[in-house]
Amino acid sequence: MKKDHDELQKELKRMKKIMHFTSQKIANELGISVQMPFIDESIIKFVQTLPVNLLVNQNDGVKFGKWILRKAFENDLPSNVIWREKTPMQDGSGTVGLIKMFDSVITDDIFKEKIKK
């Protein structure tokens, strides 16, 4: 692993400060409760005690996070679920298509002209 335990813990702390989950905000607006066990403080404290190789490791040459969680369910869930590679949120939201559409409609020159105003 390229990052040692201290480096990974520092990165996890940084991520905890900046990560926001839209599901929580949407739930609040709708007056419903969303439970997110993986961001519970007791779980976070427990995970911080684990060695790096249980948090991030490789399977068939591909790096995966949540290693210990994947291994825990390896006998209960299909392999294609356990070892599914993470896809960026924007891929599932459909914004990639919008970006391509905007790129085809709005040239760089048009964009530069509009931001001057």
PDB file of N, CA and C in Angstrom:
ATOM      1  N   MET A   1       0.844  -1.170   0.000  1.00  0.00           N
ATOM      2  CA  MET A   1       0.000   0.000   0.000  1.00  0.00           C
ATOM      3  C   MET A   1       0.894   1.239   0.000  1.00  0.00           C
ATOM      4  N   LYS A   2       0.513   2.204  -0.777  1.00  0.00           N
ATOM      5  CA  LYS A   2       1.323   3.413  -0.883  1.00  0.00           C
ATOM      6  C   LYS A   2       1.205   4.284   0.359  1.00  0.00           C
ATOM      7  N   LYS A   3       0.016   4.366   0.923  1.00  0.00           N
ATOM      8  CA  LYS A   3      -0.179   5.225   2.093  1.00  0.00           C
ATOM      9  C   LYS A   3      -0.039   4.395   3.360  1.00  0.00           C
ATOM     10  N   ASP A   4       0.670   4.945   4.334  1.00  0.00           N
ATOM     11  CA  ASP A   4       0.746   4.254   5.606  1.00  0.00           C
ATOM     12  C   ASP A   4      -0.492   4.614   6.433  1.00  0.00           C
ATOM     13  N   HIS A   5      -0.603   4.006   7.587  1.00  0.00           N
ATOM     14  CA  HIS A   5      -1.785   4.176   8.434  1.00  0.00           C
ATOM     15  C   HIS A   5      -2.029   5.637   8.793  1.00  0.00           C
ATOM     16  N   ASP A   6      -0.991   6.360   9.181  1.00  0.00           N
ATOM     17  CA  ASP A   6      -1.154   7.766   9.574  1.00  0.00           C
ATOM     18  C   ASP A   6      -1.635   8.629   8.411  1.00  0.00           C
ATOM     19  N   GLU A   7      -1.070   8.385   7.223  1.00  0.00           N
ATOM     20  CA  GLU A   7      -1.496   9.150   6.046  1.00  0.00           C
ATOM     21  C   GLU A   7      -2.961   8.880   5.719  1.00  0.00           C
ATOM     22  N   LEU A   8      -3.352   7.608   5.798  1.00  0.00           N
ATOM     23  CA  LEU A   8      -4.737   7.253   5.497  1.00  0.00           C
ATOM     24  C   LEU A   8      -5.690   7.865   6.518  1.00  0.00           C
ATOM     25  N   GLN A   9      -5.324   7.815   7.792  1.00  0.00           N
ATOM     26  CA  GLN A   9      -6.174   8.411   8.830  1.00  0.00           C
ATOM     27  C   GLN A   9      -6.327   9.913   8.615  1.00  0.00           C
ATOM     28  N   LYS A  10      -5.247  10.575   8.233  1.00  0.00           N
ATOM     29  CA  LYS A  10      -5.300  12.014   7.959  1.00  0.00           C
ATOM     30  C   LYS A  10      -6.255  12.297   6.796  1.00  0.00           C
ATOM     31  N   GLU A  11      -6.163  11.484   5.754  1.00  0.00           N
ATOM     32  CA  GLU A  11      -7.040  11.651   4.592  1.00  0.00           C
ATOM     33  C   GLU A  11      -8.499  11.379   4.963  1.00  0.00           C
ATOM     34  N   LEU A  12      -8.747  10.364   5.770  1.00  0.00           N
ATOM     35  CA  LEU A  12     -10.119  10.053   6.201  1.00  0.00           C
ATOM     36  C   LEU A  12     -10.700  11.188   7.036  1.00  0.00           C
ATOM     37  N   LYS A  13      -9.891  11.785   7.899  1.00  0.00           N
ATOM     38  CA  LYS A  13     -10.358  12.924   8.700  1.00  0.00           C
ATOM     39  C   LYS A  13     -10.692  14.111   7.807  1.00  0.00           C
ATOM     40  N   ARG A  14      -9.854  14.343   6.802  1.00  0.00           N
ATOM     41  CA  ARG A  14     -10.105  15.437   5.861  1.00  0.00           C
ATOM     42  C   ARG A  14     -11.413  15.194   5.111  1.00  0.00           C
ATOM     43  N   MET A  15     -11.607  13.975   4.666  1.00  0.00           N
ATOM     44  CA  MET A  15     -12.824  13.642   3.929  1.00  0.00           C
ATOM     45  C   MET A  15     -14.066  13.792   4.802  1.00  0.00           C
ATOM     46  N   LYS A  16     -13.956  13.392   6.052  1.00  0.00           N
ATOM     47  CA  LYS A  16     -15.097  13.488   6.965  1.00  0.00           C
ATOM     48  C   LYS A  16     -15.565  14.940   7.100  1.00  0.00           C
ATOM     49  N   LYS A  17     -14.619  15.868   7.093  1.00  0.00           N
ATOM     50  CA  LYS A  17     -14.959  17.285   7.233  1.00  0.00           C
ATOM     51  C   LYS A  17     -15.673  17.842   6.006  1.00  0.00           C
ATOM     52  N   ILE A  18     -15.315  17.353   4.831  1.00  0.00           N
ATOM     53  CA  ILE A  18     -15.841  17.955   3.606  1.00  0.00           C
ATOM     54  C   ILE A  18     -16.972  17.168   2.952  1.00  0.00           C
ATOM     55  N   MET A  19     -17.151  15.909   3.326  1.00  0.00           N
ATOM     56  CA  MET A  19     -18.182  15.099   2.676  1.00  0.00           C
ATOM     57  C   MET A  19     -19.566  15.461   3.191  1.00  0.00           C
ATOM     58  N   HIS A  20     -20.465  15.636   2.266  1.00  0.00           N
ATOM     59  CA  HIS A  20     -21.857  15.898   2.602  1.00  0.00           C
ATOM     60  C   HIS A  20     -22.708  14.948   1.778  1.00  0.00           C
ATOM     61  N   PHE A  21     -23.741  14.429   2.398  1.00  0.00           N
ATOM     62  CA  PHE A  21     -24.588  13.467   1.725  1.00  0.00           C
ATOM     63  C   PHE A  21     -25.927  14.108   1.401  1.00  0.00           C
ATOM     64  N   THR A  22     -26.234  14.192   0.122  1.00  0.00           N
ATOM     65  CA  THR A  22     -27.479  14.830  -0.292  1.00  0.00           C
ATOM     66  C   THR A  22     -28.694  14.095   0.241  1.00  0.00           C
ATOM     67  N   SER A  23     -28.565  12.793   0.478  1.00  0.00           N
ATOM     68  CA  SER A  23     -29.707  12.028   0.991  1.00  0.00           C
ATOM     69  C   SER A  23     -30.165  12.576   2.338  1.00  0.00           C
ATOM     70  N   GLN A  24     -29.244  13.021   3.166  1.00  0.00           N
ATOM     71  CA  GLN A  24     -29.596  13.575   4.474  1.00  0.00           C
ATOM     72  C   GLN A  24     -30.372  14.883   4.317  1.00  0.00           C
ATOM     73  N   LYS A  25     -29.908  15.736   3.440  1.00  0.00           N
ATOM     74  CA  LYS A  25     -30.570  17.022   3.219  1.00  0.00           C
ATOM     75  C   LYS A  25     -31.965  16.823   2.625  1.00  0.00           C
ATOM     76  N   ILE A  26     -32.074  15.933   1.656  1.00  0.00           N
ATOM     77  CA  ILE A  26     -33.373  15.649   1.039  1.00  0.00           C
ATOM     78  C   ILE A  26     -34.325  15.069   2.074  1.00  0.00           C
ATOM     79  N   ALA A  27     -33.845  14.138   2.888  1.00  0.00           N
ATOM     80  CA  ALA A  27     -34.680  13.532   3.929  1.00  0.00           C
ATOM     81  C   ALA A  27     -35.183  14.586   4.901  1.00  0.00           C
ATOM     82  N   ASN A  28     -34.314  15.488   5.309  1.00  0.00           N
ATOM     83  CA  ASN A  28     -34.722  16.559   6.227  1.00  0.00           C
ATOM     84  C   ASN A  28     -35.829  17.407   5.616  1.00  0.00           C
ATOM     85  N   GLU A  29     -35.692  17.730   4.336  1.00  0.00           N
ATOM     86  CA  GLU A  29     -36.708  18.530   3.644  1.00  0.00           C
ATOM     87  C   GLU A  29     -38.042  17.796   3.576  1.00  0.00           C
ATOM     88  N   LEU A  30     -37.988  16.475   3.475  1.00  0.00           N
ATOM     89  CA  LEU A  30     -39.207  15.667   3.380  1.00  0.00           C
ATOM     90  C   LEU A  30     -39.741  15.244   4.744  1.00  0.00           C
ATOM     91  N   GLY A  31     -39.010  15.585   5.785  1.00  0.00           N
ATOM     92  CA  GLY A  31     -39.441  15.234   7.130  1.00  0.00           C
ATOM     93  C   GLY A  31     -39.299  13.755   7.458  1.00  0.00           C
ATOM     94  N   ILE A  32     -38.341  13.100   6.815  1.00  0.00           N
ATOM     95  CA  ILE A  32     -38.101  11.689   7.104  1.00  0.00           C
ATOM     96  C   ILE A  32     -36.685  11.507   7.634  1.00  0.00           C
ATOM     97  N   SER A  33     -36.453  10.362   8.231  1.00  0.00           N
ATOM     98  CA  SER A  33     -35.151  10.070   8.828  1.00  0.00           C
ATOM     99  C   SER A  33     -34.364   9.120   7.932  1.00  0.00           C
ATOM    100  N   VAL A  34     -33.106   9.417   7.747  1.00  0.00           N
ATOM    101  CA  VAL A  34     -32.204   8.546   6.999  1.00  0.00           C
ATOM    102  C   VAL A  34     -31.110   8.109   7.964  1.00  0.00           C
ATOM    103  N   GLN A  35     -30.906   6.811   8.062  1.00  0.00           N
ATOM    104  CA  GLN A  35     -29.853   6.283   8.923  1.00  0.00           C
ATOM    105  C   GLN A  35     -28.624   5.993   8.073  1.00  0.00           C
ATOM    106  N   MET A  36     -27.486   6.491   8.504  1.00  0.00           N
ATOM    107  CA  MET A  36     -26.238   6.283   7.776  1.00  0.00           C
ATOM    108  C   MET A  36     -25.205   5.701   8.745  1.00  0.00           C
ATOM    109  N   PRO A  37     -25.248   4.384   8.930  1.00  0.00           N
ATOM    110  CA  PRO A  37     -24.389   3.763   9.951  1.00  0.00           C
ATOM    111  C   PRO A  37     -22.899   3.951   9.739  1.00  0.00           C
ATOM    112  N   PHE A  38     -22.458   4.106   8.504  1.00  0.00           N
ATOM    113  CA  PHE A  38     -21.021   4.202   8.263  1.00  0.00           C
ATOM    114  C   PHE A  38     -20.441   5.559   8.621  1.00  0.00           C
ATOM    115  N   ILE A  39     -21.285   6.537   8.909  1.00  0.00           N
ATOM    116  CA  ILE A  39     -20.761   7.817   9.380  1.00  0.00           C
ATOM    117  C   ILE A  39     -21.095   8.044  10.851  1.00  0.00           C
ATOM    118  N   ASP A  40     -21.571   6.998  11.510  1.00  0.00           N
ATOM    119  CA  ASP A  40     -21.797   7.058  12.950  1.00  0.00           C
ATOM    120  C   ASP A  40     -20.440   7.191  13.646  1.00  0.00           C
ATOM    121  N   GLU A  41     -20.383   8.054  14.637  1.00  0.00           N
ATOM    122  CA  GLU A  41     -19.109   8.344  15.312  1.00  0.00           C
ATOM    123  C   GLU A  41     -18.459   7.090  15.907  1.00  0.00           C
ATOM    124  N   SER A  42     -19.258   6.166  16.456  1.00  0.00           N
ATOM    125  CA  SER A  42     -18.678   4.954  17.051  1.00  0.00           C
ATOM    126  C   SER A  42     -18.057   4.059  15.979  1.00  0.00           C
ATOM    127  N   ILE A  43     -18.669   4.002  14.809  1.00  0.00           N
ATOM    128  CA  ILE A  43     -18.102   3.220  13.705  1.00  0.00           C
ATOM    129  C   ILE A  43     -16.810   3.872  13.221  1.00  0.00           C
ATOM    130  N   ILE A  44     -16.821   5.175  13.088  1.00  0.00           N
ATOM    131  CA  ILE A  44     -15.624   5.897  12.636  1.00  0.00           C
ATOM    132  C   ILE A  44     -14.469   5.669  13.610  1.00  0.00           C
ATOM    133  N   LYS A  45     -14.750   5.752  14.906  1.00  0.00           N
ATOM    134  CA  LYS A  45     -13.691   5.525  15.907  1.00  0.00           C
ATOM    135  C   LYS A  45     -13.145   4.106  15.818  1.00  0.00           C
ATOM    136  N   PHE A  46     -14.039   3.126  15.619  1.00  0.00           N
ATOM    137  CA  PHE A  46     -13.599   1.739  15.485  1.00  0.00           C
ATOM    138  C   PHE A  46     -12.708   1.571  14.255  1.00  0.00           C
ATOM    139  N   VAL A  47     -13.142   2.106  13.136  1.00  0.00           N
ATOM    140  CA  VAL A  47     -12.388   1.979  11.887  1.00  0.00           C
ATOM    141  C   VAL A  47     -11.002   2.604  12.022  1.00  0.00           C
ATOM    142  N   GLN A  48     -10.895   3.669  12.793  1.00  0.00           N
ATOM    143  CA  GLN A  48      -9.603   4.325  12.980  1.00  0.00           C
ATOM    144  C   GLN A  48      -8.601   3.448  13.729  1.00  0.00           C
ATOM    145  N   THR A  49      -9.072   2.395  14.372  1.00  0.00           N
ATOM    146  CA  THR A  49      -8.170   1.485  15.083  1.00  0.00           C
ATOM    147  C   THR A  49      -7.675   0.342  14.198  1.00  0.00           C
ATOM    148  N   LEU A  50      -8.244   0.203  13.017  1.00  0.00           N
ATOM    149  CA  LEU A  50      -7.909  -0.917  12.141  1.00  0.00           C
ATOM    150  C   LEU A  50      -6.652  -0.637  11.323  1.00  0.00           C
ATOM    151  N   PRO A  51      -5.899  -1.687  11.001  1.00  0.00           N
ATOM    152  CA  PRO A  51      -4.735  -1.495  10.136  1.00  0.00           C
ATOM    153  C   PRO A  51      -5.177  -1.122   8.714  1.00  0.00           C
ATOM    154  N   VAL A  52      -4.337  -0.398   8.024  1.00  0.00           N
ATOM    155  CA  VAL A  52      -4.647   0.098   6.683  1.00  0.00           C
ATOM    156  C   VAL A  52      -5.072  -1.022   5.736  1.00  0.00           C
ATOM    157  N   ASN A  53      -4.403  -2.175   5.808  1.00  0.00           N
ATOM    158  CA  ASN A  53      -4.715  -3.245   4.855  1.00  0.00           C
ATOM    159  C   ASN A  53      -6.122  -3.815   5.031  1.00  0.00           C
ATOM    160  N   LEU A  54      -6.797  -3.506   6.133  1.00  0.00           N
ATOM    161  CA  LEU A  54      -8.196  -3.912   6.286  1.00  0.00           C
ATOM    162  C   LEU A  54      -9.149  -2.840   5.762  1.00  0.00           C
ATOM    163  N   LEU A  55      -8.630  -1.657   5.544  1.00  0.00           N
ATOM    164  CA  LEU A  55      -9.450  -0.559   5.023  1.00  0.00           C
ATOM    165  C   LEU A  55      -9.356  -0.478   3.501  1.00  0.00           C
ATOM    166  N   VAL A  56      -8.144  -0.583   2.992  1.00  0.00           N
ATOM    167  CA  VAL A  56      -7.895  -0.506   1.549  1.00  0.00           C
ATOM    168  C   VAL A  56      -6.965  -1.652   1.187  1.00  0.00           C
ATOM    169  N   ASN A  57      -7.349  -2.398   0.148  1.00  0.00           N
ATOM    170  CA  ASN A  57      -6.516  -3.506  -0.299  1.00  0.00           C
ATOM    171  C   ASN A  57      -6.859  -3.798  -1.751  1.00  0.00           C
ATOM    172  N   GLN A  58      -6.252  -4.840  -2.292  1.00  0.00           N
ATOM    173  CA  GLN A  58      -6.487  -5.163  -3.700  1.00  0.00           C
ATOM    174  C   GLN A  58      -7.159  -6.513  -3.865  1.00  0.00           C
ATOM    175  N   ASN A  59      -7.940  -6.618  -4.930  1.00  0.00           N
ATOM    176  CA  ASN A  59      -8.540  -7.876  -5.350  1.00  0.00           C
ATOM    177  C   ASN A  59      -8.319  -7.980  -6.858  1.00  0.00           C
ATOM    178  N   ASP A  60      -7.640  -9.019  -7.284  1.00  0.00           N
ATOM    179  CA  ASP A  60      -7.306  -9.198  -8.703  1.00  0.00           C
ATOM    180  C   ASP A  60      -6.640  -7.957  -9.293  1.00  0.00           C
ATOM    181  N   GLY A  61      -5.747  -7.343  -8.523  1.00  0.00           N
ATOM    182  CA  GLY A  61      -4.986  -6.199  -9.003  1.00  0.00           C
ATOM    183  C   GLY A  61      -5.719  -4.871  -8.998  1.00  0.00           C
ATOM    184  N   VAL A  62      -6.956  -4.857  -8.490  1.00  0.00           N
ATOM    185  CA  VAL A  62      -7.743  -3.624  -8.435  1.00  0.00           C
ATOM    186  C   VAL A  62      -7.858  -3.187  -6.980  1.00  0.00           C
ATOM    187  N   LYS A  63      -7.590  -1.899  -6.720  1.00  0.00           N
ATOM    188  CA  LYS A  63      -7.648  -1.376  -5.353  1.00  0.00           C
ATOM    189  C   LYS A  63      -9.100  -1.111  -4.959  1.00  0.00           C
ATOM    190  N   PHE A  64      -9.461  -1.552  -3.746  1.00  0.00           N
ATOM    191  CA  PHE A  64     -10.803  -1.357  -3.221  1.00  0.00           C
ATOM    192  C   PHE A  64     -10.747  -0.775  -1.822  1.00  0.00           C
ATOM    193  N   GLY A  65     -11.628   0.158  -1.560  1.00  0.00           N
ATOM    194  CA  GLY A  65     -11.848   0.645  -0.207  1.00  0.00           C
ATOM    195  C   GLY A  65     -12.880  -0.238   0.473  1.00  0.00           C
ATOM    196  N   LYS A  66     -13.122   0.040   1.750  1.00  0.00           N
ATOM    197  CA  LYS A  66     -14.080  -0.736   2.550  1.00  0.00           C
ATOM    198  C   LYS A  66     -13.753  -2.235   2.499  1.00  0.00           C
ATOM    199  N   TRP A  67     -12.466  -2.541   2.476  1.00  0.00           N
ATOM    200  CA  TRP A  67     -11.998  -3.915   2.314  1.00  0.00           C
ATOM    201  C   TRP A  67     -12.625  -4.865   3.332  1.00  0.00           C
ATOM    202  N   ILE A  68     -12.588  -4.496   4.594  1.00  0.00           N
ATOM    203  CA  ILE A  68     -13.091  -5.388   5.641  1.00  0.00           C
ATOM    204  C   ILE A  68     -14.594  -5.643   5.475  1.00  0.00           C
ATOM    205  N   LEU A  69     -15.332  -4.659   5.037  1.00  0.00           N
ATOM    206  CA  LEU A  69     -16.764  -4.812   4.803  1.00  0.00           C
ATOM    207  C   LEU A  69     -17.016  -5.751   3.625  1.00  0.00           C
ATOM    208  N   ARG A  70     -16.258  -5.600   2.570  1.00  0.00           N
ATOM    209  CA  ARG A  70     -16.394  -6.481   1.406  1.00  0.00           C
ATOM    210  C   ARG A  70     -16.083  -7.927   1.794  1.00  0.00           C
ATOM    211  N   LYS A  71     -14.997  -8.117   2.555  1.00  0.00           N
ATOM    212  CA  LYS A  71     -14.618  -9.467   2.975  1.00  0.00           C
ATOM    213  C   LYS A  71     -15.669 -10.079   3.903  1.00  0.00           C
ATOM    214  N   ALA A  72     -16.273  -9.258   4.752  1.00  0.00           N
ATOM    215  CA  ALA A  72     -17.277  -9.756   5.699  1.00  0.00           C
ATOM    216  C   ALA A  72     -18.485 -10.352   4.982  1.00  0.00           C
ATOM    217  N   PHE A  73     -18.824  -9.830   3.825  1.00  0.00           N
ATOM    218  CA  PHE A  73     -20.010 -10.294   3.103  1.00  0.00           C
ATOM    219  C   PHE A  73     -19.681 -11.151   1.883  1.00  0.00           C
ATOM    220  N   GLU A  74     -18.426 -11.526   1.757  1.00  0.00           N
ATOM    221  CA  GLU A  74     -17.981 -12.272   0.586  1.00  0.00           C
ATOM    222  C   GLU A  74     -18.740 -13.588   0.386  1.00  0.00           C
ATOM    223  N   ASN A  75     -19.133 -14.246   1.461  1.00  0.00           N
ATOM    224  CA  ASN A  75     -19.853 -15.518   1.349  1.00  0.00           C
ATOM    225  C   ASN A  75     -21.366 -15.339   1.283  1.00  0.00           C
ATOM    226  N   ASP A  76     -21.834 -14.110   1.451  1.00  0.00           N
ATOM    227  CA  ASP A  76     -23.274 -13.860   1.487  1.00  0.00           C
ATOM    228  C   ASP A  76     -23.813 -13.149   0.251  1.00  0.00           C
ATOM    229  N   LEU A  77     -22.955 -12.477  -0.470  1.00  0.00           N
ATOM    230  CA  LEU A  77     -23.375 -11.712  -1.646  1.00  0.00           C
ATOM    231  C   LEU A  77     -22.593 -12.173  -2.870  1.00  0.00           C
ATOM    232  N   PRO A  78     -23.176 -12.016  -4.056  1.00  0.00           N
ATOM    233  CA  PRO A  78     -22.455 -12.413  -5.272  1.00  0.00           C
ATOM    234  C   PRO A  78     -21.161 -11.613  -5.441  1.00  0.00           C
ATOM    235  N   SER A  79     -20.189 -12.248  -6.041  1.00  0.00           N
ATOM    236  CA  SER A  79     -18.880 -11.621  -6.250  1.00  0.00           C
ATOM    237  C   SER A  79     -18.984 -10.311  -7.026  1.00  0.00           C
ATOM    238  N   ASN A  80     -19.887 -10.261  -8.016  1.00  0.00           N
ATOM    239  CA  ASN A  80     -20.004  -9.034  -8.813  1.00  0.00           C
ATOM    240  C   ASN A  80     -20.575  -7.875  -8.003  1.00  0.00           C
ATOM    241  N   VAL A  81     -21.238  -8.169  -6.902  1.00  0.00           N
ATOM    242  CA  VAL A  81     -21.724  -7.119  -6.001  1.00  0.00           C
ATOM    243  C   VAL A  81     -20.598  -6.704  -5.057  1.00  0.00           C
ATOM    244  N   ILE A  82     -19.955  -7.691  -4.447  1.00  0.00           N
ATOM    245  CA  ILE A  82     -18.879  -7.424  -3.486  1.00  0.00           C
ATOM    246  C   ILE A  82     -17.736  -6.643  -4.127  1.00  0.00           C
ATOM    247  N   TRP A  83     -17.334  -7.033  -5.315  1.00  0.00           N
ATOM    248  CA  TRP A  83     -16.143  -6.447  -5.936  1.00  0.00           C
ATOM    249  C   TRP A  83     -16.487  -5.470  -7.058  1.00  0.00           C
ATOM    250  N   ARG A  84     -17.693  -4.901  -7.005  1.00  0.00           N
ATOM    251  CA  ARG A  84     -18.096  -3.894  -7.990  1.00  0.00           C
ATOM    252  C   ARG A  84     -17.246  -2.650  -7.779  1.00  0.00           C
ATOM    253  N   GLU A  85     -16.712  -2.126  -8.872  1.00  0.00           N
ATOM    254  CA  GLU A  85     -15.911  -0.908  -8.769  1.00  0.00           C
ATOM    255  C   GLU A  85     -16.825   0.288  -8.579  1.00  0.00           C
ATOM    256  N   LYS A  86     -16.373   1.208  -7.777  1.00  0.00           N
ATOM    257  CA  LYS A  86     -17.141   2.416  -7.492  1.00  0.00           C
ATOM    258  C   LYS A  86     -17.239   3.272  -8.749  1.00  0.00           C
ATOM    259  N   THR A  87     -18.435   3.786  -8.992  1.00  0.00           N
ATOM    260  CA  THR A  87     -18.610   4.698 -10.121  1.00  0.00           C
ATOM    261  C   THR A  87     -18.870   6.092  -9.572  1.00  0.00           C
ATOM    262  N   PRO A  88     -18.325   7.095 -10.220  1.00  0.00           N
ATOM    263  CA  PRO A  88     -18.543   8.462  -9.738  1.00  0.00           C
ATOM    264  C   PRO A  88     -20.032   8.804  -9.687  1.00  0.00           C
ATOM    265  N   MET A  89     -20.425   9.581  -8.686  1.00  0.00           N
ATOM    266  CA  MET A  89     -21.820   9.937  -8.482  1.00  0.00           C
ATOM    267  C   MET A  89     -22.424  10.566  -9.733  1.00  0.00           C
ATOM    268  N   GLN A  90     -21.659  11.390 -10.420  1.00  0.00           N
ATOM    269  CA  GLN A  90     -22.210  12.073 -11.582  1.00  0.00           C
ATOM    270  C   GLN A  90     -22.586  11.105 -12.697  1.00  0.00           C
ATOM    271  N   ASP A  91     -21.963   9.920 -12.747  1.00  0.00           N
ATOM    272  CA  ASP A  91     -22.326   8.939 -13.771  1.00  0.00           C
ATOM    273  C   ASP A  91     -23.754   8.447 -13.564  1.00  0.00           C
ATOM    274  N   GLY A  92     -24.129   8.217 -12.324  1.00  0.00           N
ATOM    275  CA  GLY A  92     -25.475   7.733 -12.017  1.00  0.00           C
ATOM    276  C   GLY A  92     -26.530   8.820 -12.066  1.00  0.00           C
ATOM    277  N   SER A  93     -26.128  10.051 -11.912  1.00  0.00           N
ATOM    278  CA  SER A  93     -27.094  11.150 -11.862  1.00  0.00           C
ATOM    279  C   SER A  93     -27.494  11.655 -13.240  1.00  0.00           C
ATOM    280  N   GLY A  94     -26.755  11.280 -14.258  1.00  0.00           N
ATOM    281  CA  GLY A  94     -27.075  11.723 -15.610  1.00  0.00           C
ATOM    282  C   GLY A  94     -26.435  13.040 -15.999  1.00  0.00           C
ATOM    283  N   THR A  95     -25.640  13.621 -15.120  1.00  0.00           N
ATOM    284  CA  THR A  95     -25.049  14.921 -15.445  1.00  0.00           C
ATOM    285  C   THR A  95     -23.980  14.824 -16.525  1.00  0.00           C
ATOM    286  N   VAL A  96     -23.416  13.637 -16.718  1.00  0.00           N
ATOM    287  CA  VAL A  96     -22.405  13.474 -17.765  1.00  0.00           C
ATOM    288  C   VAL A  96     -23.023  13.797 -19.124  1.00  0.00           C
ATOM    289  N   GLY A  97     -24.238  13.328 -19.347  1.00  0.00           N
ATOM    290  CA  GLY A  97     -24.936  13.618 -20.598  1.00  0.00           C
ATOM    291  C   GLY A  97     -25.191  15.101 -20.777  1.00  0.00           C
ATOM    292  N   LEU A  98     -25.536  15.782 -19.691  1.00  0.00           N
ATOM    293  CA  LEU A  98     -25.768  17.224 -19.760  1.00  0.00           C
ATOM    294  C   LEU A  98     -24.489  17.970 -20.119  1.00  0.00           C
ATOM    295  N   ILE A  99     -23.397  17.563 -19.512  1.00  0.00           N
ATOM    296  CA  ILE A  99     -22.110  18.212 -19.791  1.00  0.00           C
ATOM    297  C   ILE A  99     -21.756  18.062 -21.266  1.00  0.00           C
ATOM    298  N   LYS A 100     -21.948  16.861 -21.808  1.00  0.00           N
ATOM    299  CA  LYS A 100     -21.665  16.644 -23.231  1.00  0.00           C
ATOM    300  C   LYS A 100     -22.572  17.507 -24.103  1.00  0.00           C
ATOM    301  N   MET A 101     -23.841  17.605 -23.710  1.00  0.00           N
ATOM    302  CA  MET A 101     -24.780  18.410 -24.479  1.00  0.00           C
ATOM    303  C   MET A 101     -24.374  19.881 -24.440  1.00  0.00           C
ATOM    304  N   PHE A 102     -24.039  20.389 -23.245  1.00  0.00           N
ATOM    305  CA  PHE A 102     -23.610  21.787 -23.125  1.00  0.00           C
ATOM    306  C   PHE A 102     -22.342  22.046 -23.935  1.00  0.00           C
ATOM    307  N   ASP A 103     -21.411  21.100 -23.880  1.00  0.00           N
ATOM    308  CA  ASP A 103     -20.171  21.251 -24.646  1.00  0.00           C
ATOM    309  C   ASP A 103     -20.436  21.331 -26.148  1.00  0.00           C
ATOM    310  N   SER A 104     -21.453  20.620 -26.612  1.00  0.00           N
ATOM    311  CA  SER A 104     -21.745  20.636 -28.049  1.00  0.00           C
ATOM    312  C   SER A 104     -22.503  21.896 -28.468  1.00  0.00           C
ATOM    313  N   VAL A 105     -23.215  22.522 -27.536  1.00  0.00           N
ATOM    314  CA  VAL A 105     -24.039  23.691 -27.847  1.00  0.00           C
ATOM    315  C   VAL A 105     -23.301  25.001 -27.576  1.00  0.00           C
ATOM    316  N   ILE A 106     -22.507  25.022 -26.515  1.00  0.00           N
ATOM    317  CA  ILE A 106     -21.835  26.259 -26.099  1.00  0.00           C
ATOM    318  C   ILE A 106     -20.343  26.136 -26.387  1.00  0.00           C
ATOM    319  N   THR A 107     -19.887  26.889 -27.347  1.00  0.00           N
ATOM    320  CA  THR A 107     -18.460  26.852 -27.696  1.00  0.00           C
ATOM    321  C   THR A 107     -17.652  27.610 -26.640  1.00  0.00           C
ATOM    322  N   ASP A 108     -16.356  27.404 -26.653  1.00  0.00           N
ATOM    323  CA  ASP A 108     -15.475  28.126 -25.728  1.00  0.00           C
ATOM    324  C   ASP A 108     -15.576  29.634 -25.943  1.00  0.00           C
ATOM    325  N   ASP A 109     -15.684  30.042 -27.200  1.00  0.00           N
ATOM    326  CA  ASP A 109     -15.791  31.480 -27.501  1.00  0.00           C
ATOM    327  C   ASP A 109     -17.067  32.078 -26.915  1.00  0.00           C
ATOM    328  N   ILE A 110     -18.180  31.369 -27.070  1.00  0.00           N
ATOM    329  CA  ILE A 110     -19.452  31.847 -26.507  1.00  0.00           C
ATOM    330  C   ILE A 110     -19.341  31.936 -24.987  1.00  0.00           C
ATOM    331  N   PHE A 111     -18.758  30.905 -24.382  1.00  0.00           N
ATOM    332  CA  PHE A 111     -18.612  30.884 -22.923  1.00  0.00           C
ATOM    333  C   PHE A 111     -17.761  32.061 -22.445  1.00  0.00           C
ATOM    334  N   LYS A 112     -16.626  32.274 -23.093  1.00  0.00           N
ATOM    335  CA  LYS A 112     -15.733  33.376 -22.703  1.00  0.00           C
ATOM    336  C   LYS A 112     -16.432  34.723 -22.835  1.00  0.00           C
ATOM    337  N   GLU A 113     -17.219  34.866 -23.878  1.00  0.00           N
ATOM    338  CA  GLU A 113     -17.955  36.116 -24.088  1.00  0.00           C
ATOM    339  C   GLU A 113     -18.991  36.328 -22.982  1.00  0.00           C
ATOM    340  N   LYS A 114     -19.686  35.270 -22.605  1.00  0.00           N
ATOM    341  CA  LYS A 114     -20.737  35.380 -21.582  1.00  0.00           C
ATOM    342  C   LYS A 114     -20.165  35.692 -20.201  1.00  0.00           C
ATOM    343  N   ILE A 115     -19.003  35.137 -19.877  1.00  0.00           N
ATOM    344  CA  ILE A 115     -18.455  35.391 -18.533  1.00  0.00           C
ATOM    345  C   ILE A 115     -17.868  36.790 -18.404  1.00  0.00           C
ATOM    346  N   LYS A 116     -17.636  37.450 -19.520  1.00  0.00           N
ATOM    347  CA  LYS A 116     -17.151  38.836 -19.474  1.00  0.00           C
ATOM    348  C   LYS A 116     -18.243  39.782 -19.011  1.00  0.00           C
ATOM    349  N   LYS A 117     -19.495  39.401 -19.237  1.00  0.00           N
ATOM    350  CA  LYS A 117     -20.631  40.288 -18.920  1.00  0.00           C
ATOM    351  C   LYS A 117     -20.969  40.307 -17.468  1.00  0.00           C
TER     352      LYS A 117
END
